[in-house]
N, C-alpha and C. Protein backbone atom coordinates (compact mmCIF):
# COMPACT_ATOMS: atom_id res chain seq x y z
N MET A 1 0.93 -1.18 0.08
CA MET A 1 -0.14 0.14 0.01
C MET A 1 1.02 1.19 -0.06
N LYS A 2 0.74 2.12 -0.97
CA LYS A 2 1.54 3.12 -1.10
C LYS A 2 1.00 4.30 0.02
N LYS A 3 1.81 5.28 0.80
CA LYS A 3 1.33 5.77 1.72
C LYS A 3 1.66 7.38 1.38
N LYS A 4 0.86 8.27 1.65
CA LYS A 4 1.15 9.59 1.54
C LYS A 4 2.04 10.27 2.71
N SER A 5 2.61 11.19 2.66
CA SER A 5 3.31 11.88 3.79
C SER A 5 2.56 13.63 4.18
N PHE A 6 2.99 13.69 4.98
CA PHE A 6 2.55 15.12 5.38
C PHE A 6 3.19 15.57 6.65
N VAL A 7 2.95 16.97 7.10
CA VAL A 7 3.50 17.59 7.98
C VAL A 7 2.25 17.74 9.11
N LEU A 8 2.79 17.42 10.18
CA LEU A 8 1.73 17.41 11.29
C LEU A 8 2.38 18.44 12.64
N ARG A 9 1.66 19.12 12.63
CA ARG A 9 2.13 20.09 13.78
C ARG A 9 1.62 19.95 15.20
N ILE A 10 2.05 19.59 16.42
CA ILE A 10 1.30 19.39 17.44
C ILE A 10 2.35 19.84 18.33
N ASP A 11 1.78 20.39 19.49
CA ASP A 11 2.08 21.00 20.91
C ASP A 11 2.88 20.00 21.35
N PRO A 12 3.93 20.29 22.16
CA PRO A 12 4.99 19.38 22.90
C PRO A 12 4.31 18.48 23.90
N GLU A 13 3.20 19.09 24.51
CA GLU A 13 2.97 18.13 25.71
C GLU A 13 2.07 17.04 25.16
N LYS A 14 1.25 17.30 23.78
CA LYS A 14 0.58 16.15 23.28
C LYS A 14 1.51 15.06 22.48
N MET A 15 2.72 15.76 21.95
CA MET A 15 3.87 15.25 21.58
C MET A 15 4.41 14.05 22.51
N GLU A 16 4.71 14.44 23.75
CA GLU A 16 5.13 13.85 24.73
C GLU A 16 4.61 12.64 25.22
N ALA A 17 2.89 13.15 25.15
CA ALA A 17 2.30 11.91 25.60
C ALA A 17 1.91 10.94 24.50
N LEU A 18 1.95 11.33 23.39
CA LEU A 18 2.02 10.18 22.15
C LEU A 18 3.46 9.62 22.16
N GLU A 19 4.53 10.20 22.41
CA GLU A 19 5.67 9.51 22.18
C GLU A 19 5.47 8.12 23.62
N LYS A 20 5.14 8.66 24.89
CA LYS A 20 5.12 7.58 25.72
C LYS A 20 3.93 6.53 25.37
N TRP A 21 2.88 6.92 25.03
CA TRP A 21 1.73 5.98 24.32
C TRP A 21 2.43 4.82 23.40
N ALA A 22 3.06 5.69 22.32
CA ALA A 22 3.86 4.83 21.59
C ALA A 22 4.87 3.72 22.03
N ALA A 23 5.63 4.16 22.88
CA ALA A 23 6.68 3.47 23.60
C ALA A 23 6.03 2.05 24.35
N ASP A 24 4.77 2.47 25.01
CA ASP A 24 4.16 1.77 25.85
C ASP A 24 3.31 0.48 24.98
N GLU A 25 2.96 0.77 23.85
CA GLU A 25 2.55 -0.18 22.93
C GLU A 25 3.44 -0.57 21.97
N PHE A 26 4.81 -0.39 22.28
CA PHE A 26 5.91 -1.15 21.15
C PHE A 26 5.77 -0.79 19.64
N ARG A 27 5.20 0.63 19.55
CA ARG A 27 5.15 1.18 18.06
C ARG A 27 5.85 2.61 17.92
N SER A 28 6.39 2.75 16.77
CA SER A 28 6.81 3.95 16.43
C SER A 28 5.57 4.94 16.58
N ILE A 29 6.34 6.22 16.46
CA ILE A 29 5.29 7.50 16.88
C ILE A 29 4.36 7.49 15.62
N ASN A 30 4.71 7.27 14.85
CA ASN A 30 4.12 7.00 12.96
C ASN A 30 2.98 6.15 13.35
N GLY A 31 3.49 4.94 13.55
CA GLY A 31 2.78 3.74 13.70
C GLY A 31 1.43 4.18 14.86
N GLN A 32 1.90 4.49 15.63
CA GLN A 32 0.61 5.17 16.79
C GLN A 32 -0.26 6.02 16.25
N ILE A 33 0.25 6.83 15.43
CA ILE A 33 -0.46 7.77 15.00
C ILE A 33 -1.67 7.23 14.08
N GLU A 34 -1.12 6.41 12.94
CA GLU A 34 -1.89 5.56 12.06
C GLU A 34 -2.93 4.65 12.71
N TRP A 35 -2.42 4.05 13.83
CA TRP A 35 -3.49 3.27 14.72
C TRP A 35 -4.33 3.86 15.22
N ILE A 36 -4.14 5.06 15.87
CA ILE A 36 -5.32 6.26 16.70
C ILE A 36 -6.28 6.37 15.26
N ILE A 37 -5.45 7.18 14.15
CA ILE A 37 -6.34 7.41 13.55
C ILE A 37 -7.21 6.18 12.42
N ASP A 38 -6.64 5.06 12.56
CA ASP A 38 -7.57 3.94 11.94
C ASP A 38 -8.64 3.67 12.87
N GLN A 39 -8.57 3.39 14.24
CA GLN A 39 -9.56 3.28 15.13
C GLN A 39 -10.81 4.37 15.04
N ALA A 40 -10.14 5.50 15.21
CA ALA A 40 -11.18 6.78 15.28
C ALA A 40 -11.99 6.60 13.58
N LEU A 41 -11.20 6.18 12.56
CA LEU A 41 -12.08 6.10 11.28
C LEU A 41 -13.13 4.83 11.48
N LYS A 42 -12.71 3.68 12.02
CA LYS A 42 -13.44 2.63 12.20
C LYS A 42 -14.81 2.85 13.07
N LYS A 43 -14.19 3.54 14.24
CA LYS A 43 -15.62 3.87 15.21
C LYS A 43 -16.41 4.76 14.46
N ASN A 44 -16.22 5.55 13.64
CA ASN A 44 -17.13 6.20 13.19
C ASN A 44 -17.60 6.34 11.65
N GLY A 45 -17.47 4.89 11.40
CA GLY A 45 -17.99 4.23 10.31
C GLY A 45 -17.50 4.80 8.83
N ARG A 46 -16.26 5.38 8.88
CA ARG A 46 -15.47 6.35 7.80
C ARG A 46 -14.66 5.57 6.95
N LEU A 47 -14.45 4.12 7.35
CA LEU A 47 -13.60 3.31 6.50
C LEU A 47 -14.51 2.31 5.77
N LYS A 48 -14.17 2.21 4.37
CA LYS A 48 -14.91 1.13 3.66
C LYS A 48 -14.55 0.06 3.85
N LYS A 49 -15.37 -0.97 4.47
CA LYS A 49 -15.16 -2.44 4.32
C LYS A 49 -14.42 -3.41 3.69
N LYS A 50 -13.50 -3.84 3.92
CA LYS A 50 -12.68 -4.67 2.94
C LYS A 50 -13.57 -5.81 2.61
N LYS A 51 -13.58 -6.61 1.57
CA LYS A 51 -14.36 -7.58 0.97
C LYS A 51 -13.64 -8.66 1.53
N GLN A 52 -14.55 -9.55 2.33
CA GLN A 52 -13.86 -10.97 2.74
C GLN A 52 -14.15 -11.94 1.46
N PRO A 53 -13.09 -12.84 1.20
CA PRO A 53 -13.12 -13.55 -0.03
C PRO A 53 -14.30 -14.65 0.54
N GLU A 54 -15.18 -15.11 -0.28
CA GLU A 54 -16.24 -16.16 -0.01
C GLU A 54 -15.56 -17.52 0.39
N LYS A 55 -16.14 -18.20 1.04
CA LYS A 55 -15.65 -19.60 1.26
C LYS A 55 -15.45 -20.15 0.33
N GLY A 56 -14.30 -21.02 0.00
CA GLY A 56 -14.21 -21.51 -1.15
C GLY A 56 -13.50 -21.04 -2.22
N GLU A 57 -13.57 -19.69 -2.36
CA GLU A 57 -13.16 -18.58 -3.31
C GLU A 57 -11.55 -18.85 -3.47
N ASN A 58 -11.24 -18.64 -4.70
CA ASN A 58 -9.66 -18.70 -5.13
C ASN A 58 -9.18 -17.25 -4.93
N THR A 59 -8.50 -17.24 -3.88
CA THR A 59 -7.59 -15.62 -3.88
C THR A 59 -6.53 -15.54 -4.27
N ALA A 60 -5.84 -16.30 -5.11
CA ALA A 60 -4.67 -16.25 -5.81
C ALA A 60 -4.69 -15.65 -7.37
């Protein structure tokens, strides 16, 4: 999957909290931000559901 990059400005207090949270979960800060965004999008029904292959369907 190709990813887009962008600049994020965040205040030092939030960045420190994010760094600690990421370390606690053994993630990079970037990975933690992606996880938080992913969870928020799922919670609010903003992500398209990935189609699951039908039973017996060839996925190759």
